[in-house]
Amino acid sequence: MLWAEKYTLQDLTAFANRNMILHLNIEFIELGSDFIKAKMPVDHRTTMPLGLLHGGASCVLAETLGSCASALCIDTEKESTVGIEINANHIKTINLGYVIGTVRPFHVGRSIHVWDIQIRNESNAELICISRLTTKVLGKTATDSPQKYLSYRKHPLAGLTKTTRK
């Protein structure tokens, strides 16, 4: 098994209860031994003005899947992961329904993970987008605490001086 521990869909769902995943209504639907699947609606939240799935929404789904996969591969008490590069090729369009994203590993090393994400039309399985996400594994330090990150939420401009704000 690829994952560092035994995880469930409920674990992934708990991760998604307060961020962009919730806003776009991304739902984890399957967790296998070396893959994760999630679905995302194609609706007013995820389309561009022309009514087609927005490429940025596809990237959000891809990064969500790859980032979650990376997090499942590490000891989260000692490490964290961050995305350092994403690319996406938009193959076909879709204007209504759901897309299903599936993430699988290209490479899972000690410091770098590379993920393959395919996004398909739920109704006919046509390939909509292919994406690759690279994540970096970082060691946690004593200063990495939830309070540190929560303080940025309370004061989003904390640390910026008047001269650096534009």
Protein backbone atom coordinates (compact mmCIF):
# COMPACT_ATOMS: atom_id res chain seq x y z
CA MET A 1 0.00 0.00 0.00
CA LEU A 2 1.22 3.48 -0.89
CA TRP A 3 -0.31 5.30 2.07
CA ALA A 4 1.63 5.75 5.34
CA GLU A 5 -1.37 4.66 7.43
CA LYS A 6 -4.80 3.14 6.95
CA TYR A 7 -7.05 6.00 5.83
CA THR A 8 -10.74 6.12 4.95
CA LEU A 9 -12.96 8.31 2.80
CA GLN A 10 -14.21 9.86 6.05
CA ASP A 11 -10.64 11.02 6.79
CA LEU A 12 -10.47 12.75 3.40
CA THR A 13 -13.93 14.26 3.85
CA ALA A 14 -12.93 15.68 7.24
CA PHE A 15 -10.00 17.41 5.55
CA ALA A 16 -12.40 19.10 3.12
CA ASN A 17 -14.84 20.66 5.55
CA ARG A 18 -13.55 24.24 5.65
CA ASN A 19 -11.67 25.34 2.54
CA MET A 20 -11.84 25.62 -1.26
CA ILE A 21 -12.76 21.95 -1.52
CA LEU A 22 -16.01 22.70 0.29
CA HIS A 23 -16.62 25.88 -1.72
CA LEU A 24 -16.39 24.02 -5.05
CA ASN A 25 -18.29 21.01 -3.66
CA ILE A 26 -15.46 18.57 -4.42
CA GLU A 27 -16.38 15.17 -3.00
CA PHE A 28 -13.96 12.30 -2.40
CA ILE A 29 -15.60 9.16 -3.76
CA GLU A 30 -12.98 6.38 -3.71
CA LEU A 31 -9.73 5.60 -1.94
CA GLY A 32 -7.73 2.70 -3.33
CA SER A 33 -4.35 1.26 -2.40
CA ASP A 34 -2.57 3.64 -4.80
CA PHE A 35 -5.21 6.11 -6.03
CA ILE A 36 -7.84 8.60 -4.90
CA LYS A 37 -10.94 9.64 -6.85
CA ALA A 38 -13.02 12.76 -6.36
CA LYS A 39 -15.89 14.36 -8.24
CA MET A 40 -16.61 18.02 -8.87
CA PRO A 41 -19.75 19.61 -10.31
CA VAL A 42 -19.65 21.61 -13.50
CA ASP A 43 -21.91 24.49 -12.47
CA HIS A 44 -21.89 28.22 -11.74
CA ARG A 45 -18.94 27.81 -9.32
CA THR A 46 -16.66 26.00 -11.77
CA THR A 47 -17.44 27.43 -15.21
CA MET A 48 -16.09 30.42 -17.09
CA PRO A 49 -18.39 33.06 -18.63
CA LEU A 50 -18.82 30.94 -21.78
CA GLY A 51 -20.41 28.23 -19.62
CA LEU A 52 -17.56 25.73 -20.03
CA LEU A 53 -15.54 24.16 -17.23
CA HIS A 54 -12.91 26.68 -16.16
CA GLY A 55 -9.33 25.45 -16.51
CA GLY A 56 -8.56 26.87 -13.08
CA ALA A 57 -11.28 24.70 -11.55
CA SER A 58 -9.68 21.65 -13.18
CA CYS A 59 -6.37 22.69 -11.62
CA VAL A 60 -8.04 23.04 -8.21
CA LEU A 61 -9.39 19.50 -8.50
CA ALA A 62 -5.99 18.21 -9.66
CA GLU A 63 -4.08 19.97 -6.88
CA THR A 64 -6.61 18.84 -4.29
CA LEU A 65 -6.16 15.22 -5.31
CA GLY A 66 -2.36 15.38 -5.57
CA SER A 67 -1.93 17.29 -2.32
CA CYS A 68 -4.17 14.87 -0.45
CA ALA A 69 -2.29 11.92 -1.92
CA SER A 70 1.03 13.41 -0.80
CA ALA A 71 -0.32 14.02 2.69
CA LEU A 72 -1.38 10.36 2.93
CA CYS A 73 2.19 9.25 2.10
CA ILE A 74 3.99 11.04 4.92
CA ASP A 75 4.16 11.07 8.70
CA THR A 76 2.04 14.18 9.28
CA GLU A 77 3.38 14.50 12.85
CA LYS A 78 6.88 15.13 11.46
CA GLU A 79 6.35 16.36 7.90
CA SER A 80 4.11 18.41 5.68
CA THR A 81 3.83 18.79 1.90
CA VAL A 82 3.36 21.75 -0.41
CA GLY A 83 2.71 21.95 -4.12
CA ILE A 84 5.64 23.37 -6.07
CA GLU A 85 4.52 22.89 -9.69
CA ILE A 86 1.33 22.04 -11.53
CA ASN A 87 0.58 21.77 -15.21
CA ALA A 88 -2.59 20.90 -17.02
CA ASN A 89 -3.60 20.14 -20.58
CA HIS A 90 -7.27 20.75 -21.28
CA ILE A 91 -8.31 18.14 -23.86
CA LYS A 92 -12.10 18.50 -24.15
CA THR A 93 -14.80 20.78 -22.87
CA ILE A 94 -17.77 20.09 -20.65
CA ASN A 95 -20.58 22.47 -19.72
CA LEU A 96 -22.83 20.49 -17.37
CA GLY A 97 -22.69 17.52 -15.05
CA TYR A 98 -19.73 16.23 -13.07
CA VAL A 99 -16.08 15.51 -13.68
CA ILE A 100 -14.20 12.71 -11.92
CA GLY A 101 -10.54 13.15 -11.07
CA THR A 102 -8.21 10.24 -10.36
CA VAL A 103 -4.71 10.66 -8.95
CA ARG A 104 -1.95 8.05 -9.18
CA PRO A 105 1.76 8.32 -8.40
CA PHE A 106 4.54 8.85 -10.92
CA HIS A 107 7.17 9.09 -8.19
CA VAL A 108 6.99 9.06 -4.39
CA GLY A 109 10.39 9.82 -2.92
CA ARG A 110 11.59 11.09 0.45
CA SER A 111 11.51 14.75 -0.57
CA ILE A 112 9.61 14.98 -3.89
CA HIS A 113 6.32 13.45 -5.01
CA VAL A 114 5.06 13.62 -8.61
CA TRP A 115 1.40 12.82 -9.31
CA ASP A 116 -0.57 12.03 -12.46
CA ILE A 117 -4.14 13.32 -12.38
CA GLN A 118 -6.73 12.49 -15.04
CA ILE A 119 -10.04 14.33 -15.08
CA ARG A 120 -12.87 12.68 -17.00
CA ASN A 121 -16.49 13.40 -17.84
CA GLU A 122 -18.61 11.39 -15.40
CA SER A 123 -21.29 10.60 -17.99
CA ASN A 124 -19.10 9.15 -20.76
CA ALA A 125 -15.57 8.85 -19.27
CA GLU A 126 -14.08 11.13 -21.95
CA LEU A 127 -10.76 12.65 -20.94
CA ILE A 128 -11.27 16.34 -20.11
CA CYS A 129 -7.89 17.25 -18.61
CA ILE A 130 -4.56 15.65 -17.78
CA SER A 131 -2.43 17.20 -15.08
CA ARG A 132 0.82 16.63 -13.26
CA LEU A 133 1.47 17.93 -9.75
CA THR A 134 4.84 18.01 -8.00
CA THR A 135 4.91 18.36 -4.23
CA LYS A 136 7.79 18.93 -1.84
CA VAL A 137 8.00 17.18 1.52
CA LEU A 138 9.03 19.55 4.29
CA GLY A 139 10.14 18.74 7.81
CA LYS A 140 8.09 20.38 10.54
CA THR A 141 9.82 22.60 13.06
CA ALA A 142 8.77 23.58 16.56
CA THR A 143 7.44 26.87 15.15
CA ASP A 144 5.05 25.10 12.76
CA SER A 145 1.88 25.11 14.77
CA PRO A 146 -1.80 25.48 13.93
CA GLN A 147 -1.83 28.80 15.82
CA LYS A 148 0.76 30.19 13.40
CA TYR A 149 -1.51 29.49 10.45
CA LEU A 150 -4.69 30.56 12.24
CA SER A 151 -3.13 33.94 13.03
CA TYR A 152 -2.77 34.59 9.29
CA ARG A 153 -6.47 33.88 8.83
CA LYS A 154 -7.38 36.42 11.53
CA HIS A 155 -5.00 39.05 10.15
CA PRO A 156 -4.40 38.36 6.43
CA LEU A 157 -2.11 41.38 6.06
CA ALA A 158 -0.03 40.57 9.15
CA GLY A 159 3.65 41.09 8.52
CA LEU A 160 3.16 43.55 5.66
CA THR A 161 4.21 47.13 6.17
CA LYS A 162 2.50 50.08 4.55
CA THR A 163 5.34 50.34 2.05
CA THR A 164 4.94 46.74 0.87
CA ARG A 165 1.17 46.96 0.38
CA LYS A 166 0.15 48.00 -3.13
